């Protein structure tokens, strides 16, 4: 378990989750540290219904994947690759939840691209990514560059905050404690699916040791 945790880049830059101002660059985010409790935040499901992270996780072990949006090819590739270990994760008792700033209508497009079966949540207000400390504000030059590629962040989220998450994967145990995280400021770098599975096995094994079968 310690070996797996040692690869977590976020552990060296943790801090307060609720900053008054979003950092202007992904390198300046301050993610929650391991051992923190799952923060609650309002989100919406794919049908546009209001819910929260607590309600979505529902006290069950979960793999939380924060991605930039359905317009991001790196995100779509990551979500697709995670399907390869989804059944193994489910066998260990985990649920898969993917969260992005996309509004619910955009989530449906993502769901249909690769026939994803995990839960997708809309964090269009950026409340969840702020709570996790992984949100940053996209600067004007980058916004203009995205528009040049046909990507409109305001249209995707329905909001004008111009906030994006640094792509991240968290593993939360049944007590709501963050047991593993991988956060990298370079959006092109994603944690391999086999590493996520190995971390999930380690966390599940630790849980079983603490709670042996009677």
Foldseek 3Di string as FASTA:
>chain_A
DVVLQVQAPLQVQADALADPAFAAAQVNFHFHHFQDFQDKDWWAFLVRHIDIPCVVCVLWKEKEWEDAAPVDPLVLVQLLQLVVCQVVLVVLGYAYEYEYLFGSVRVVVSCPPNVDDGTYIHPVVCGNLSNRRFKHAHDPVVCVVCVVVVDHSCVRNVDDRNIGGQTKIFIAHSVRGTHHMHGDRPNNDDDRSVSVSVSSVVVSVVVCVVPPDD
